[in-house]
């Protein structure tokens, strides 16, 4: 038989997984929503145009370098995790036109 504390931890973990699955079904996550707030519509449109102009592998690499440079120069980053999430969020916004 499972100890009560382990059972509670399991229930909390399953609850967290269910919430993550629910967020995936809605098409947006809390983190993506949070990091999206760092970019205004003009920045997203600019990178979206760059993405649409060249969808080749070299174009993608160039876009990623430009996104990384933009994030580094224009946003105060507190951790590597924030940096990675900001770069990924701007990439996704540019690619999806959201």
Protein backbone atom coordinates (compact mmCIF):
# COMPACT_ATOMS: atom_id res chain seq x y z
CA UNK A 1 0.00 0.00 0.00
CA UNK A 2 1.21 3.51 -0.87
CA UNK A 3 1.93 5.97 1.97
CA UNK A 4 -0.52 8.85 2.19
CA UNK A 5 2.15 11.50 1.46
CA UNK A 6 3.22 9.65 -1.70
CA UNK A 7 -0.41 9.36 -2.74
CA UNK A 8 -0.91 13.12 -2.28
CA UNK A 9 2.25 13.87 -4.26
CA UNK A 10 1.03 11.58 -7.03
CA UNK A 11 -2.37 13.31 -7.13
CA UNK A 12 -0.70 16.75 -7.32
CA UNK A 13 1.60 15.54 -10.10
CA UNK A 14 -1.29 14.08 -12.09
CA UNK A 15 -3.22 17.32 -11.63
CA UNK A 16 -0.25 19.26 -13.04
CA UNK A 17 -0.02 16.92 -16.04
CA UNK A 18 -3.76 17.23 -16.69
CA UNK A 19 -3.47 21.04 -16.60
CA UNK A 20 -0.57 20.93 -19.07
CA UNK A 21 -2.55 18.69 -21.41
CA UNK A 22 -5.52 21.04 -21.13
CA UNK A 23 -3.31 24.03 -22.00
CA UNK A 24 -1.91 22.19 -25.02
CA UNK A 25 -5.44 21.57 -26.25
CA UNK A 26 -6.25 25.26 -26.01
CA UNK A 27 -3.20 25.94 -28.17
CA UNK A 28 -1.40 28.26 -25.77
CA UNK A 29 0.60 27.73 -22.63
CA UNK A 30 0.97 30.02 -19.66
CA UNK A 31 4.69 30.42 -20.36
CA UNK A 32 4.12 31.23 -24.03
CA UNK A 33 1.48 33.76 -23.05
CA UNK A 34 3.85 35.31 -20.50
CA UNK A 35 6.81 35.58 -22.87
CA UNK A 36 4.61 36.82 -25.74
CA UNK A 37 3.97 39.98 -23.72
CA UNK A 38 7.60 41.03 -24.25
CA UNK A 39 7.05 41.57 -27.98
CA UNK A 40 4.80 44.17 -29.56
CA UNK A 41 2.93 43.52 -32.79
CA UNK A 42 5.44 45.49 -34.89
CA UNK A 43 8.35 43.30 -33.80
CA UNK A 44 6.35 40.15 -34.48
CA UNK A 45 5.29 41.46 -37.92
CA UNK A 46 8.88 42.38 -38.81
CA UNK A 47 10.21 38.93 -37.95
CA UNK A 48 7.18 37.33 -39.60
CA UNK A 49 8.02 39.11 -42.87
CA UNK A 50 11.63 37.95 -42.59
CA UNK A 51 10.45 34.39 -42.00
CA UNK A 52 8.11 34.43 -45.01
CA UNK A 53 10.75 36.01 -47.26
CA UNK A 54 13.14 33.06 -46.93
CA UNK A 55 11.96 29.70 -45.62
CA UNK A 56 15.15 27.84 -46.60
CA UNK A 57 17.46 26.33 -44.00
CA UNK A 58 19.94 29.20 -44.43
CA UNK A 59 17.07 31.67 -44.08
CA UNK A 60 15.97 29.97 -40.87
CA UNK A 61 19.50 30.12 -39.45
CA UNK A 62 19.76 33.81 -40.33
CA UNK A 63 16.36 34.49 -38.76
CA UNK A 64 17.39 32.72 -35.57
CA UNK A 65 20.58 34.78 -35.36
CA UNK A 66 18.55 37.98 -35.81
CA UNK A 67 16.04 36.89 -33.15
CA UNK A 68 18.83 36.05 -30.70
CA UNK A 69 20.47 39.42 -31.34
CA UNK A 70 17.16 41.25 -30.89
CA UNK A 71 16.41 39.50 -27.59
CA UNK A 72 19.95 40.11 -26.28
CA UNK A 73 19.95 43.79 -27.22
CA UNK A 74 16.41 44.80 -26.33
CA UNK A 75 15.28 42.73 -23.35
CA UNK A 76 16.80 42.49 -19.88
CA UNK A 77 17.38 38.79 -19.39
CA UNK A 78 17.65 37.36 -15.90
CA UNK A 79 18.51 33.74 -16.72
CA UNK A 80 19.46 31.41 -19.54
CA UNK A 81 16.02 29.87 -19.28
CA UNK A 82 14.37 33.25 -19.86
CA UNK A 83 16.65 33.86 -22.85
CA UNK A 84 15.80 30.49 -24.41
CA UNK A 85 12.07 30.97 -23.79
CA UNK A 86 12.10 34.49 -25.25
CA UNK A 87 13.96 33.37 -28.38
CA UNK A 88 11.64 30.40 -28.83
CA UNK A 89 8.53 32.51 -28.27
CA UNK A 90 9.55 35.15 -30.81
CA UNK A 91 10.43 32.41 -33.32
CA UNK A 92 7.02 30.80 -32.87
CA UNK A 93 5.21 34.13 -33.12
CA UNK A 94 7.08 34.97 -36.33
CA UNK A 95 6.45 31.55 -37.88
CA UNK A 96 2.78 31.39 -36.95
CA UNK A 97 1.88 35.01 -37.48
CA UNK A 98 0.15 35.29 -34.08
